[in-house]
PDB file of N, CA and C in Angstrom:
ATOM      1  N   MET A   1     -73.795 179.896 -26.781  1.00  0.00           N
ATOM      2  CA  MET A   1     -75.533 180.059 -26.190  1.00  0.00           C
ATOM      3  C   MET A   1     -75.594 181.561 -26.447  1.00  0.00           C
ATOM      4  N   THR A   2     -74.625 182.550 -26.293  1.00  0.00           N
ATOM      5  CA  THR A   2     -74.930 184.085 -26.352  1.00  0.00           C
ATOM      6  C   THR A   2     -75.279 184.474 -27.871  1.00  0.00           C
ATOM      7  N   SER A   3     -74.686 183.538 -28.775  1.00  0.00           N
ATOM      8  CA  SER A   3     -74.929 183.838 -30.124  1.00  0.00           C
ATOM      9  C   SER A   3     -76.442 183.753 -30.609  1.00  0.00           C
ATOM     10  N   PHE A   4     -77.252 183.164 -29.541  1.00  0.00           N
ATOM     11  CA  PHE A   4     -78.787 183.088 -29.853  1.00  0.00           C
ATOM     12  C   PHE A   4     -79.464 184.385 -29.453  1.00  0.00           C
ATOM     13  N   PHE A   5     -78.911 184.965 -28.520  1.00  0.00           N
ATOM     14  CA  PHE A   5     -79.694 186.352 -27.941  1.00  0.00           C
ATOM     15  C   PHE A   5     -79.728 187.275 -28.875  1.00  0.00           C
ATOM     16  N   LYS A   6     -78.681 187.806 -29.592  1.00  0.00           N
ATOM     17  CA  LYS A   6     -78.661 188.884 -30.482  1.00  0.00           C
ATOM     18  C   LYS A   6     -79.797 188.807 -31.599  1.00  0.00           C
ATOM     19  N   PRO A   7     -79.810 187.614 -32.201  1.00  0.00           N
ATOM     20  CA  PRO A   7     -80.884 187.624 -33.462  1.00  0.00           C
ATOM     21  C   PRO A   7     -82.365 187.471 -32.528  1.00  0.00           C
ATOM     22  N   TYR A   8     -82.415 186.990 -31.496  1.00  0.00           N
ATOM     23  CA  TYR A   8     -83.636 186.929 -31.032  1.00  0.00           C
ATOM     24  C   TYR A   8     -84.176 188.395 -30.476  1.00  0.00           C
ATOM     25  N   LEU A   9     -83.114 188.958 -29.920  1.00  0.00           N
ATOM     26  CA  LEU A   9     -83.646 190.531 -29.380  1.00  0.00           C
ATOM     27  C   LEU A   9     -84.010 191.415 -30.640  1.00  0.00           C
ATOM     28  N   VAL A  10     -82.965 191.130 -31.803  1.00  0.00           N
ATOM     29  CA  VAL A  10     -83.230 191.846 -32.991  1.00  0.00           C
ATOM     30  C   VAL A  10     -84.785 191.729 -33.620  1.00  0.00           C
ATOM     31  N   ALA A  11     -85.164 190.353 -33.596  1.00  0.00           N
ATOM     32  CA  ALA A  11     -86.258 189.975 -34.131  1.00  0.00           C
ATOM     33  C   ALA A  11     -87.411 190.692 -33.119  1.00  0.00           C
ATOM     34  N   LEU A  12     -87.207 190.510 -32.007  1.00  0.00           N
ATOM     35  CA  LEU A  12     -88.289 190.899 -30.882  1.00  0.00           C
ATOM     36  C   LEU A  12     -88.530 192.366 -30.966  1.00  0.00           C
ATOM     37  N   LEU A  13     -87.275 193.134 -30.986  1.00  0.00           N
ATOM     38  CA  LEU A  13     -87.767 194.579 -31.367  1.00  0.00           C
ATOM     39  C   LEU A  13     -88.291 194.944 -32.764  1.00  0.00           C
ATOM     40  N   VAL A  14     -88.060 194.200 -33.646  1.00  0.00           N
ATOM     41  CA  VAL A  14     -88.655 194.633 -34.992  1.00  0.00           C
ATOM     42  C   VAL A  14     -89.960 194.299 -34.976  1.00  0.00           C
ATOM     43  N   MET A  15     -90.330 193.248 -34.355  1.00  0.00           N
ATOM     44  CA  MET A  15     -91.822 192.854 -34.365  1.00  0.00           C
ATOM     45  C   MET A  15     -92.479 193.654 -33.303  1.00  0.00           C
ATOM     46  N   GLY A  16     -92.103 194.096 -32.432  1.00  0.00           N
ATOM     47  CA  GLY A  16     -92.680 195.075 -31.614  1.00  0.00           C
ATOM     48  C   GLY A  16     -92.706 196.278 -32.279  1.00  0.00           C
ATOM     49  N   VAL A  17     -91.929 196.746 -32.961  1.00  0.00           N
ATOM     50  CA  VAL A  17     -92.251 198.238 -33.668  1.00  0.00           C
ATOM     51  C   VAL A  17     -93.300 197.999 -34.708  1.00  0.00           C
ATOM     52  N   LEU A  18     -93.117 196.964 -35.694  1.00  0.00           N
ATOM     53  CA  LEU A  18     -94.028 196.487 -36.440  1.00  0.00           C
ATOM     54  C   LEU A  18     -95.554 196.694 -35.854  1.00  0.00           C
ATOM     55  N   ASP A  19     -95.473 195.807 -34.747  1.00  0.00           N
ATOM     56  CA  ASP A  19     -96.954 195.692 -34.166  1.00  0.00           C
ATOM     57  C   ASP A  19     -97.477 196.994 -33.617  1.00  0.00           C
ATOM     58  N   ALA A  20     -96.456 197.718 -33.123  1.00  0.00           N
ATOM     59  CA  ALA A  20     -97.093 199.160 -32.416  1.00  0.00           C
ATOM     60  C   ALA A  20     -97.354 200.040 -33.760  1.00  0.00           C
ATOM     61  N   LEU A  21     -96.883 200.002 -34.852  1.00  0.00           N
ATOM     62  CA  LEU A  21     -97.223 200.583 -35.977  1.00  0.00           C
ATOM     63  C   LEU A  21     -98.474 200.289 -36.684  1.00  0.00           C
ATOM     64  N   TRP A  22     -98.846 198.898 -36.624  1.00  0.00           N
ATOM     65  CA  TRP A  22     -99.903 198.413 -37.049  1.00  0.00           C
ATOM     66  C   TRP A  22    -101.113 198.872 -36.098  1.00  0.00           C
ATOM     67  N   LEU A  23    -101.157 198.404 -34.917  1.00  0.00           N
ATOM     68  CA  LEU A  23    -101.967 198.681 -33.969  1.00  0.00           C
ATOM     69  C   LEU A  23    -102.286 200.272 -33.888  1.00  0.00           C
ATOM     70  N   GLY A  24    -101.349 200.814 -33.947  1.00  0.00           N
ATOM     71  CA  GLY A  24    -101.323 202.391 -33.459  1.00  0.00           C
ATOM     72  C   GLY A  24    -101.635 203.398 -34.606  1.00  0.00           C
ATOM     73  N   MET A  25    -101.506 202.999 -35.754  1.00  0.00           N
ATOM     74  CA  MET A  25    -101.594 203.906 -36.814  1.00  0.00           C
ATOM     75  C   MET A  25    -102.412 203.315 -38.161  1.00  0.00           C
ATOM     76  N   LEU A  26    -102.022 202.188 -38.589  1.00  0.00           N
ATOM     77  CA  LEU A  26    -102.506 201.652 -39.822  1.00  0.00           C
ATOM     78  C   LEU A  26    -103.934 201.090 -39.638  1.00  0.00           C
ATOM     79  N   ALA A  27    -104.092 200.379 -38.538  1.00  0.00           N
ATOM     80  CA  ALA A  27    -105.410 199.475 -38.694  1.00  0.00           C
ATOM     81  C   ALA A  27    -106.371 200.214 -37.310  1.00  0.00           C
ATOM     82  N   ARG A  28    -106.095 201.483 -36.904  1.00  0.00           N
ATOM     83  CA  ARG A  28    -106.936 201.829 -35.849  1.00  0.00           C
ATOM     84  C   ARG A  28    -108.257 202.233 -36.449  1.00  0.00           C
ATOM     85  N   ASP A  29    -108.537 202.760 -37.565  1.00  0.00           N
ATOM     86  CA  ASP A  29    -110.208 202.963 -37.868  1.00  0.00           C
ATOM     87  C   ASP A  29    -110.770 201.571 -38.160  1.00  0.00           C
ATOM     88  N   PHE A  30    -110.003 200.616 -38.639  1.00  0.00           N
ATOM     89  CA  PHE A  30    -110.489 199.324 -38.924  1.00  0.00           C
ATOM     90  C   PHE A  30    -110.931 198.568 -37.628  1.00  0.00           C
ATOM     91  N   TYR A  31    -110.052 198.520 -36.606  1.00  0.00           N
ATOM     92  CA  TYR A  31    -110.265 198.113 -35.143  1.00  0.00           C
ATOM     93  C   TYR A  31    -111.561 198.746 -34.696  1.00  0.00           C
ATOM     94  N   ARG A  32    -111.518 200.101 -34.589  1.00  0.00           N
ATOM     95  CA  ARG A  32    -112.653 200.899 -34.218  1.00  0.00           C
ATOM     96  C   ARG A  32    -114.120 200.714 -34.730  1.00  0.00           C
ATOM     97  N   GLN A  33    -114.136 200.630 -35.954  1.00  0.00           N
ATOM     98  CA  GLN A  33    -115.273 200.283 -36.864  1.00  0.00           C
ATOM     99  C   GLN A  33    -115.956 198.741 -36.548  1.00  0.00           C
ATOM    100  N   GLU A  34    -114.641 197.784 -36.529  1.00  0.00           N
ATOM    101  CA  GLU A  34    -115.376 196.445 -36.177  1.00  0.00           C
ATOM    102  C   GLU A  34    -115.647 195.930 -34.808  1.00  0.00           C
ATOM    103  N   MET A  35    -114.825 196.529 -33.930  1.00  0.00           N
ATOM    104  CA  MET A  35    -114.989 196.410 -32.532  1.00  0.00           C
ATOM    105  C   MET A  35    -115.713 197.308 -31.637  1.00  0.00           C
ATOM    106  N   GLY A  36    -115.938 198.666 -32.148  1.00  0.00           N
ATOM    107  CA  GLY A  36    -116.670 199.578 -31.646  1.00  0.00           C
ATOM    108  C   GLY A  36    -116.608 199.713 -30.022  1.00  0.00           C
ATOM    109  N   ALA A  37    -117.656 199.238 -29.343  1.00  0.00           N
ATOM    110  CA  ALA A  37    -117.665 199.420 -27.867  1.00  0.00           C
ATOM    111  C   ALA A  37    -116.786 198.455 -26.951  1.00  0.00           C
ATOM    112  N   GLN A  38    -116.276 197.597 -27.701  1.00  0.00           N
ATOM    113  CA  GLN A  38    -115.395 196.512 -26.968  1.00  0.00           C
ATOM    114  C   GLN A  38    -113.995 197.139 -26.612  1.00  0.00           C
ATOM    115  N   MET A  39    -113.724 198.455 -27.407  1.00  0.00           N
ATOM    116  CA  MET A  39    -112.319 198.983 -27.312  1.00  0.00           C
ATOM    117  C   MET A  39    -112.511 199.812 -26.173  1.00  0.00           C
ATOM    118  N   ALA A  40    -111.328 199.911 -25.593  1.00  0.00           N
ATOM    119  CA  ALA A  40    -111.162 201.119 -24.362  1.00  0.00           C
ATOM    120  C   ALA A  40    -111.028 202.608 -25.107  1.00  0.00           C
ATOM    121  N   GLU A  41    -111.436 203.503 -24.425  1.00  0.00           N
ATOM    122  CA  GLU A  41    -111.208 204.870 -24.796  1.00  0.00           C
ATOM    123  C   GLU A  41    -109.434 205.176 -24.744  1.00  0.00           C
TER     124      GLU A  41
END
């Protein structure tokens, strides 16, 4: 059962980093333009 935890944690970490990169840097201007006032400052 513990053999399932390591790949799960690695995938969770990778997806978390990719999500932070996407939301924080790559698509920031797109979301600001499209969502405008709905976004928190």
